[in-house]
Amino acid sequence: MDRVIVKVSSKRQITIPAAIYKKLGIQPGQKLLLELQGDKLVLWPKTKSYTELLAGSLKGIYGQTKEEIDEFVRKERETW
């Protein structure tokens, strides 16, 4: 995990170190999400869409091959 120390300016601003900025592909003007988790701040790039955020999250859930997925869907339809 990348950890760095950043300084909060008098305007309550921080500077994201260049290495992290590049690694995350952050662009000027991009919005970031900031969440308070207990006594910690968590900051990450805001996704462009929920589709992008969820893409691939169910990979393998219904099967690994086309045939396995088709079989899963067939069995589910039988329960309707």
PDB file of N, CA and C in Angstrom:
ATOM      1  N   MET A   1       0.853  -1.181   0.000  1.00  0.00           N
ATOM      2  CA  MET A   1       0.000   0.000   0.000  1.00  0.00           C
ATOM      3  C   MET A   1       0.892   1.235   0.000  1.00  0.00           C
ATOM      4  N   ASP A   2       0.566   2.173  -0.880  1.00  0.00           N
ATOM      5  CA  ASP A   2       1.328   3.417  -0.936  1.00  0.00           C
ATOM      6  C   ASP A   2       0.854   4.334   0.183  1.00  0.00           C
ATOM      7  N   ARG A   3       1.774   4.776   1.004  1.00  0.00           N
ATOM      8  CA  ARG A   3       1.449   5.739   2.059  1.00  0.00           C
ATOM      9  C   ARG A   3       2.416   6.895   1.961  1.00  0.00           C
ATOM     10  N   VAL A   4       1.868   8.077   2.026  1.00  0.00           N
ATOM     11  CA  VAL A   4       2.696   9.278   1.984  1.00  0.00           C
ATOM     12  C   VAL A   4       2.124  10.277   2.988  1.00  0.00           C
ATOM     13  N   ILE A   5       2.929  11.202   3.370  1.00  0.00           N
ATOM     14  CA  ILE A   5       2.481  12.289   4.238  1.00  0.00           C
ATOM     15  C   ILE A   5       2.248  13.505   3.359  1.00  0.00           C
ATOM     16  N   VAL A   6       1.086  14.106   3.520  1.00  0.00           N
ATOM     17  CA  VAL A   6       0.770  15.334   2.796  1.00  0.00           C
ATOM     18  C   VAL A   6       0.435  16.402   3.821  1.00  0.00           C
ATOM     19  N   LYS A   7       0.618  17.637   3.439  1.00  0.00           N
ATOM     20  CA  LYS A   7       0.380  18.772   4.335  1.00  0.00           C
ATOM     21  C   LYS A   7      -0.914  19.469   3.915  1.00  0.00           C
ATOM     22  N   VAL A   8      -1.726  19.826   4.875  1.00  0.00           N
ATOM     23  CA  VAL A   8      -2.956  20.568   4.615  1.00  0.00           C
ATOM     24  C   VAL A   8      -2.612  22.053   4.615  1.00  0.00           C
ATOM     25  N   SER A   9      -2.991  22.739   3.523  1.00  0.00           N
ATOM     26  CA  SER A   9      -2.697  24.174   3.417  1.00  0.00           C
ATOM     27  C   SER A   9      -3.673  24.981   4.267  1.00  0.00           C
ATOM     28  N   SER A  10      -3.429  26.281   4.347  1.00  0.00           N
ATOM     29  CA  SER A  10      -4.314  27.169   5.106  1.00  0.00           C
ATOM     30  C   SER A  10      -5.714  27.227   4.487  1.00  0.00           C
ATOM     31  N   LYS A  11      -5.821  26.811   3.214  1.00  0.00           N
ATOM     32  CA  LYS A  11      -7.115  26.778   2.530  1.00  0.00           C
ATOM     33  C   LYS A  11      -7.739  25.375   2.596  1.00  0.00           C
ATOM     34  N   ARG A  12      -7.208  24.512   3.501  1.00  0.00           N
ATOM     35  CA  ARG A  12      -7.678  23.134   3.691  1.00  0.00           C
ATOM     36  C   ARG A  12      -7.468  22.279   2.447  1.00  0.00           C
ATOM     37  N   GLN A  13      -6.425  22.552   1.682  1.00  0.00           N
ATOM     38  CA  GLN A  13      -6.129  21.795   0.469  1.00  0.00           C
ATOM     39  C   GLN A  13      -4.922  20.887   0.700  1.00  0.00           C
ATOM     40  N   ILE A  14      -4.892  19.775  -0.044  1.00  0.00           N
ATOM     41  CA  ILE A  14      -3.727  18.899  -0.040  1.00  0.00           C
ATOM     42  C   ILE A  14      -3.267  18.708  -1.473  1.00  0.00           C
ATOM     43  N   THR A  15      -2.011  18.332  -1.640  1.00  0.00           N
ATOM     44  CA  THR A  15      -1.470  18.034  -2.953  1.00  0.00           C
ATOM     45  C   THR A  15      -1.265  16.528  -3.050  1.00  0.00           C
ATOM     46  N   ILE A  16      -1.813  15.937  -4.101  1.00  0.00           N
ATOM     47  CA  ILE A  16      -1.640  14.502  -4.323  1.00  0.00           C
ATOM     48  C   ILE A  16      -0.270  14.307  -4.966  1.00  0.00           C
ATOM     49  N   PRO A  17       0.584  13.480  -4.381  1.00  0.00           N
ATOM     50  CA  PRO A  17       1.906  13.247  -4.960  1.00  0.00           C
ATOM     51  C   PRO A  17       1.802  12.727  -6.397  1.00  0.00           C
ATOM     52  N   ALA A  18       2.719  13.164  -7.243  1.00  0.00           N
ATOM     53  CA  ALA A  18       2.689  12.842  -8.670  1.00  0.00           C
ATOM     54  C   ALA A  18       2.624  11.342  -8.937  1.00  0.00           C
ATOM     55  N   ALA A  19       3.366  10.533  -8.190  1.00  0.00           N
ATOM     56  CA  ALA A  19       3.378   9.089  -8.441  1.00  0.00           C
ATOM     57  C   ALA A  19       1.987   8.484  -8.239  1.00  0.00           C
ATOM     58  N   ILE A  20       1.286   8.920  -7.210  1.00  0.00           N
ATOM     59  CA  ILE A  20      -0.065   8.405  -6.945  1.00  0.00           C
ATOM     60  C   ILE A  20      -1.043   8.962  -7.974  1.00  0.00           C
ATOM     61  N   TYR A  21      -0.905  10.202  -8.290  1.00  0.00           N
ATOM     62  CA  TYR A  21      -1.735  10.871  -9.301  1.00  0.00           C
ATOM     63  C   TYR A  21      -1.670  10.106 -10.620  1.00  0.00           C
ATOM     64  N   LYS A  22      -0.454   9.760 -11.030  1.00  0.00           N
ATOM     65  CA  LYS A  22      -0.260   9.030 -12.290  1.00  0.00           C
ATOM     66  C   LYS A  22      -0.748   7.598 -12.186  1.00  0.00           C
ATOM     67  N   LYS A  23      -0.439   6.933 -11.076  1.00  0.00           N
ATOM     68  CA  LYS A  23      -0.829   5.529 -10.891  1.00  0.00           C
ATOM     69  C   LYS A  23      -2.343   5.355 -10.971  1.00  0.00           C
ATOM     70  N   LEU A  24      -3.099   6.308 -10.425  1.00  0.00           N
ATOM     71  CA  LEU A  24      -4.558   6.229 -10.439  1.00  0.00           C
ATOM     72  C   LEU A  24      -5.179   6.848 -11.685  1.00  0.00           C
ATOM     73  N   GLY A  25      -4.367   7.485 -12.515  1.00  0.00           N
ATOM     74  CA  GLY A  25      -4.879   8.084 -13.742  1.00  0.00           C
ATOM     75  C   GLY A  25      -5.795   9.273 -13.499  1.00  0.00           C
ATOM     76  N   ILE A  26      -5.532   9.995 -12.427  1.00  0.00           N
ATOM     77  CA  ILE A  26      -6.355  11.160 -12.092  1.00  0.00           C
ATOM     78  C   ILE A  26      -6.058  12.278 -13.084  1.00  0.00           C
ATOM     79  N   GLN A  27      -7.120  12.959 -13.506  1.00  0.00           N
ATOM     80  CA  GLN A  27      -6.987  14.045 -14.473  1.00  0.00           C
ATOM     81  C   GLN A  27      -7.386  15.372 -13.826  1.00  0.00           C
ATOM     82  N   PRO A  28      -6.841  16.491 -14.304  1.00  0.00           N
ATOM     83  CA  PRO A  28      -7.242  17.800 -13.770  1.00  0.00           C
ATOM     84  C   PRO A  28      -8.753  17.988 -13.899  1.00  0.00           C
ATOM     85  N   GLY A  29      -9.370  18.472 -12.832  1.00  0.00           N
ATOM     86  CA  GLY A  29     -10.808  18.708 -12.845  1.00  0.00           C
ATOM     87  C   GLY A  29     -11.646  17.488 -12.477  1.00  0.00           C
ATOM     88  N   GLN A  30     -11.013  16.333 -12.392  1.00  0.00           N
ATOM     89  CA  GLN A  30     -11.745  15.114 -12.040  1.00  0.00           C
ATOM     90  C   GLN A  30     -12.213  15.186 -10.594  1.00  0.00           C
ATOM     91  N   LYS A  31     -13.394  14.653 -10.331  1.00  0.00           N
ATOM     92  CA  LYS A  31     -13.909  14.629  -8.971  1.00  0.00           C
ATOM     93  C   LYS A  31     -13.388  13.396  -8.240  1.00  0.00           C
ATOM     94  N   LEU A  32     -13.142  13.553  -6.954  1.00  0.00           N
ATOM     95  CA  LEU A  32     -12.690  12.456  -6.109  1.00  0.00           C
ATOM     96  C   LEU A  32     -13.718  12.242  -5.008  1.00  0.00           C
ATOM     97  N   LEU A  33     -13.842  11.013  -4.547  1.00  0.00           N
ATOM     98  CA  LEU A  33     -14.722  10.702  -3.425  1.00  0.00           C
ATOM     99  C   LEU A  33     -13.901  10.698  -2.151  1.00  0.00           C
ATOM    100  N   LEU A  34     -14.415  11.314  -1.118  1.00  0.00           N
ATOM    101  CA  LEU A  34     -13.763  11.364   0.191  1.00  0.00           C
ATOM    102  C   LEU A  34     -14.730  10.781   1.202  1.00  0.00           C
ATOM    103  N   GLU A  35     -14.274   9.788   1.944  1.00  0.00           N
ATOM    104  CA  GLU A  35     -15.132   9.133   2.923  1.00  0.00           C
ATOM    105  C   GLU A  35     -14.425   9.074   4.263  1.00  0.00           C
ATOM    106  N   LEU A  36     -15.180   9.312   5.299  1.00  0.00           N
ATOM    107  CA  LEU A  36     -14.665   9.199   6.650  1.00  0.00           C
ATOM    108  C   LEU A  36     -14.987   7.793   7.141  1.00  0.00           C
ATOM    109  N   GLN A  37     -13.951   7.020   7.444  1.00  0.00           N
ATOM    110  CA  GLN A  37     -14.108   5.657   7.952  1.00  0.00           C
ATOM    111  C   GLN A  37     -13.481   5.608   9.334  1.00  0.00           C
ATOM    112  N   GLY A  38     -14.329   5.749  10.340  1.00  0.00           N
ATOM    113  CA  GLY A  38     -13.821   5.824  11.708  1.00  0.00           C
ATOM    114  C   GLY A  38     -13.025   7.099  11.877  1.00  0.00           C
ATOM    115  N   ASP A  39     -11.738   6.953  12.189  1.00  0.00           N
ATOM    116  CA  ASP A  39     -10.875   8.128  12.334  1.00  0.00           C
ATOM    117  C   ASP A  39      -9.957   8.305  11.130  1.00  0.00           C
ATOM    118  N   LYS A  40     -10.324   7.702   9.993  1.00  0.00           N
ATOM    119  CA  LYS A  40      -9.499   7.783   8.780  1.00  0.00           C
ATOM    120  C   LYS A  40     -10.266   8.428   7.640  1.00  0.00           C
ATOM    121  N   LEU A  41      -9.536   9.140   6.798  1.00  0.00           N
ATOM    122  CA  LEU A  41     -10.081   9.673   5.556  1.00  0.00           C
ATOM    123  C   LEU A  41      -9.662   8.747   4.427  1.00  0.00           C
ATOM    124  N   VAL A  42     -10.605   8.371   3.597  1.00  0.00           N
ATOM    125  CA  VAL A  42     -10.301   7.544   2.431  1.00  0.00           C
ATOM    126  C   VAL A  42     -10.683   8.353   1.205  1.00  0.00           C
ATOM    127  N   LEU A  43      -9.760   8.477   0.266  1.00  0.00           N
ATOM    128  CA  LEU A  43      -9.948   9.295  -0.928  1.00  0.00           C
ATOM    129  C   LEU A  43      -9.670   8.437  -2.141  1.00  0.00           C
ATOM    130  N   TRP A  44     -10.590   8.447  -3.119  1.00  0.00           N
ATOM    131  CA  TRP A  44     -10.352   7.689  -4.335  1.00  0.00           C
ATOM    132  C   TRP A  44     -11.033   8.369  -5.510  1.00  0.00           C
ATOM    133  N   PRO A  45     -10.569   8.073  -6.739  1.00  0.00           N
ATOM    134  CA  PRO A  45     -11.166   8.702  -7.919  1.00  0.00           C
ATOM    135  C   PRO A  45     -12.622   8.285  -8.066  1.00  0.00           C
ATOM    136  N   LYS A  46     -13.479   9.233  -8.383  1.00  0.00           N
ATOM    137  CA  LYS A  46     -14.886   8.946  -8.623  1.00  0.00           C
ATOM    138  C   LYS A  46     -14.997   8.258  -9.977  1.00  0.00           C
ATOM    139  N   THR A  47     -15.722   7.155 -10.017  1.00  0.00           N
ATOM    140  CA  THR A  47     -15.905   6.458 -11.288  1.00  0.00           C
ATOM    141  C   THR A  47     -16.829   7.270 -12.180  1.00  0.00           C
ATOM    142  N   LYS A  48     -16.690   7.063 -13.463  1.00  0.00           N
ATOM    143  CA  LYS A  48     -17.502   7.792 -14.419  1.00  0.00           C
ATOM    144  C   LYS A  48     -18.952   7.312 -14.392  1.00  0.00           C
ATOM    145  N   SER A  49     -19.142   6.023 -14.076  1.00  0.00           N
ATOM    146  CA  SER A  49     -20.490   5.479 -14.036  1.00  0.00           C
ATOM    147  C   SER A  49     -20.519   4.248 -13.139  1.00  0.00           C
ATOM    148  N   TYR A  50     -21.711   3.876 -12.703  1.00  0.00           N
ATOM    149  CA  TYR A  50     -21.829   2.659 -11.911  1.00  0.00           C
ATOM    150  C   TYR A  50     -21.537   1.431 -12.764  1.00  0.00           C
ATOM    151  N   THR A  51     -21.814   1.513 -14.052  1.00  0.00           N
ATOM    152  CA  THR A  51     -21.485   0.406 -14.955  1.00  0.00           C
ATOM    153  C   THR A  51     -19.984   0.152 -14.922  1.00  0.00           C
ATOM    154  N   GLU A  52     -19.194   1.228 -15.006  1.00  0.00           N
ATOM    155  CA  GLU A  52     -17.739   1.098 -14.954  1.00  0.00           C
ATOM    156  C   GLU A  52     -17.293   0.537 -13.604  1.00  0.00           C
ATOM    157  N   LEU A  53     -17.928   1.007 -12.544  1.00  0.00           N
ATOM    158  CA  LEU A  53     -17.581   0.560 -11.200  1.00  0.00           C
ATOM    159  C   LEU A  53     -17.849  -0.933 -11.013  1.00  0.00           C
ATOM    160  N   LEU A  54     -18.964  -1.402 -11.546  1.00  0.00           N
ATOM    161  CA  LEU A  54     -19.376  -2.788 -11.335  1.00  0.00           C
ATOM    162  C   LEU A  54     -18.900  -3.760 -12.414  1.00  0.00           C
ATOM    163  N   ALA A  55     -18.348  -3.230 -13.502  1.00  0.00           N
ATOM    164  CA  ALA A  55     -17.914  -4.094 -14.604  1.00  0.00           C
ATOM    165  C   ALA A  55     -16.964  -5.180 -14.111  1.00  0.00           C
ATOM    166  N   GLY A  56     -17.316  -6.414 -14.399  1.00  0.00           N
ATOM    167  CA  GLY A  56     -16.470  -7.544 -14.034  1.00  0.00           C
ATOM    168  C   GLY A  56     -16.655  -8.054 -12.623  1.00  0.00           C
ATOM    169  N   SER A  57     -17.502  -7.402 -11.825  1.00  0.00           N
ATOM    170  CA  SER A  57     -17.635  -7.808 -10.424  1.00  0.00           C
ATOM    171  C   SER A  57     -18.326  -9.157 -10.257  1.00  0.00           C
ATOM    172  N   LEU A  58     -19.081  -9.595 -11.256  1.00  0.00           N
ATOM    173  CA  LEU A  58     -19.769 -10.887 -11.167  1.00  0.00           C
ATOM    174  C   LEU A  58     -19.110 -11.956 -12.034  1.00  0.00           C
ATOM    175  N   LYS A  59     -17.933 -11.656 -12.515  1.00  0.00           N
ATOM    176  CA  LYS A  59     -17.234 -12.590 -13.393  1.00  0.00           C
ATOM    177  C   LYS A  59     -17.069 -13.941 -12.697  1.00  0.00           C
ATOM    178  N   GLY A  60     -17.523 -14.988 -13.362  1.00  0.00           N
ATOM    179  CA  GLY A  60     -17.372 -16.338 -12.838  1.00  0.00           C
ATOM    180  C   GLY A  60     -18.494 -16.778 -11.914  1.00  0.00           C
ATOM    181  N   ILE A  61     -19.394 -15.893 -11.536  1.00  0.00           N
ATOM    182  CA  ILE A  61     -20.479 -16.242 -10.619  1.00  0.00           C
ATOM    183  C   ILE A  61     -21.418 -17.273 -11.250  1.00  0.00           C
ATOM    184  N   TYR A  62     -21.725 -17.111 -12.519  1.00  0.00           N
ATOM    185  CA  TYR A  62     -22.691 -17.978 -13.189  1.00  0.00           C
ATOM    186  C   TYR A  62     -22.021 -19.079 -14.010  1.00  0.00           C
ATOM    187  N   GLY A  63     -20.708 -19.142 -13.974  1.00  0.00           N
ATOM    188  CA  GLY A  63     -19.975 -20.157 -14.713  1.00  0.00           C
ATOM    189  C   GLY A  63     -18.743 -19.561 -15.361  1.00  0.00           C
ATOM    190  N   GLN A  64     -17.847 -20.434 -15.747  1.00  0.00           N
ATOM    191  CA  GLN A  64     -16.590 -19.977 -16.352  1.00  0.00           C
ATOM    192  C   GLN A  64     -16.635 -19.976 -17.877  1.00  0.00           C
ATOM    193  N   THR A  65     -17.499 -20.805 -18.442  1.00  0.00           N
ATOM    194  CA  THR A  65     -17.574 -20.911 -19.907  1.00  0.00           C
ATOM    195  C   THR A  65     -18.969 -20.523 -20.370  1.00  0.00           C
ATOM    196  N   LYS A  66     -19.106 -20.312 -21.677  1.00  0.00           N
ATOM    197  CA  LYS A  66     -20.409 -19.989 -22.253  1.00  0.00           C
ATOM    198  C   LYS A  66     -21.402 -21.106 -21.954  1.00  0.00           C
ATOM    199  N   GLU A  67     -20.950 -22.337 -22.057  1.00  0.00           N
ATOM    200  CA  GLU A  67     -21.825 -23.481 -21.822  1.00  0.00           C
ATOM    201  C   GLU A  67     -22.325 -23.514 -20.368  1.00  0.00           C
ATOM    202  N   GLU A  68     -21.426 -23.252 -19.416  1.00  0.00           N
ATOM    203  CA  GLU A  68     -21.817 -23.237 -18.006  1.00  0.00           C
ATOM    204  C   GLU A  68     -22.825 -22.125 -17.721  1.00  0.00           C
ATOM    205  N   ILE A  69     -22.603 -20.966 -18.320  1.00  0.00           N
ATOM    206  CA  ILE A  69     -23.521 -19.841 -18.126  1.00  0.00           C
ATOM    207  C   ILE A  69     -24.879 -20.165 -18.748  1.00  0.00           C
ATOM    208  N   ASP A  70     -24.877 -20.724 -19.965  1.00  0.00           N
ATOM    209  CA  ASP A  70     -26.134 -21.113 -20.610  1.00  0.00           C
ATOM    210  C   ASP A  70     -26.889 -22.127 -19.761  1.00  0.00           C
ATOM    211  N   GLU A  71     -26.179 -23.072 -19.184  1.00  0.00           N
ATOM    212  CA  GLU A  71     -26.802 -24.085 -18.320  1.00  0.00           C
ATOM    213  C   GLU A  71     -27.408 -23.430 -17.075  1.00  0.00           C
ATOM    214  N   PHE A  72     -26.709 -22.507 -16.490  1.00  0.00           N
ATOM    215  CA  PHE A  72     -27.222 -21.783 -15.321  1.00  0.00           C
ATOM    216  C   PHE A  72     -28.510 -21.053 -15.683  1.00  0.00           C
ATOM    217  N   VAL A  73     -28.501 -20.326 -16.794  1.00  0.00           N
ATOM    218  CA  VAL A  73     -29.676 -19.571 -17.230  1.00  0.00           C
ATOM    219  C   VAL A  73     -30.836 -20.524 -17.514  1.00  0.00           C
ATOM    220  N   ARG A  74     -30.566 -21.655 -18.160  1.00  0.00           N
ATOM    221  CA  ARG A  74     -31.612 -22.631 -18.469  1.00  0.00           C
ATOM    222  C   ARG A  74     -32.273 -23.126 -17.190  1.00  0.00           C
ATOM    223  N   LYS A  75     -31.458 -23.465 -16.178  1.00  0.00           N
ATOM    224  CA  LYS A  75     -31.997 -23.954 -14.910  1.00  0.00           C
ATOM    225  C   LYS A  75     -32.806 -22.890 -14.185  1.00  0.00           C
ATOM    226  N   GLU A  76     -32.334 -21.650 -14.239  1.00  0.00           N
ATOM    227  CA  GLU A  76     -33.083 -20.553 -13.617  1.00  0.00           C
ATOM    228  C   GLU A  76     -34.431 -20.353 -14.283  1.00  0.00           C
ATOM    229  N   ARG A  77     -34.446 -20.421 -15.601  1.00  0.00           N
ATOM    230  CA  ARG A  77     -35.716 -20.246 -16.337  1.00  0.00           C
ATOM    231  C   ARG A  77     -36.699 -21.348 -16.009  1.00  0.00           C
ATOM    232  N   GLU A  78     -36.214 -22.548 -15.739  1.00  0.00           N
ATOM    233  CA  GLU A  78     -37.100 -23.658 -15.395  1.00  0.00           C
ATOM    234  C   GLU A  78     -37.845 -23.392 -14.084  1.00  0.00           C
ATOM    235  N   THR A  79     -37.261 -22.584 -13.208  1.00  0.00           N
ATOM    236  CA  THR A  79     -37.908 -22.307 -11.915  1.00  0.00           C
ATOM    237  C   THR A  79     -38.988 -21.237 -12.031  1.00  0.00           C
ATOM    238  N   TRP A  80     -39.097 -20.573 -13.163  1.00  0.00           N
ATOM    239  CA  TRP A  80     -40.092 -19.507 -13.328  1.00  0.00           C
ATOM    240  C   TRP A  80     -41.436 -20.129 -13.372  1.00  0.00           C
TER     241      TRP A  80
END
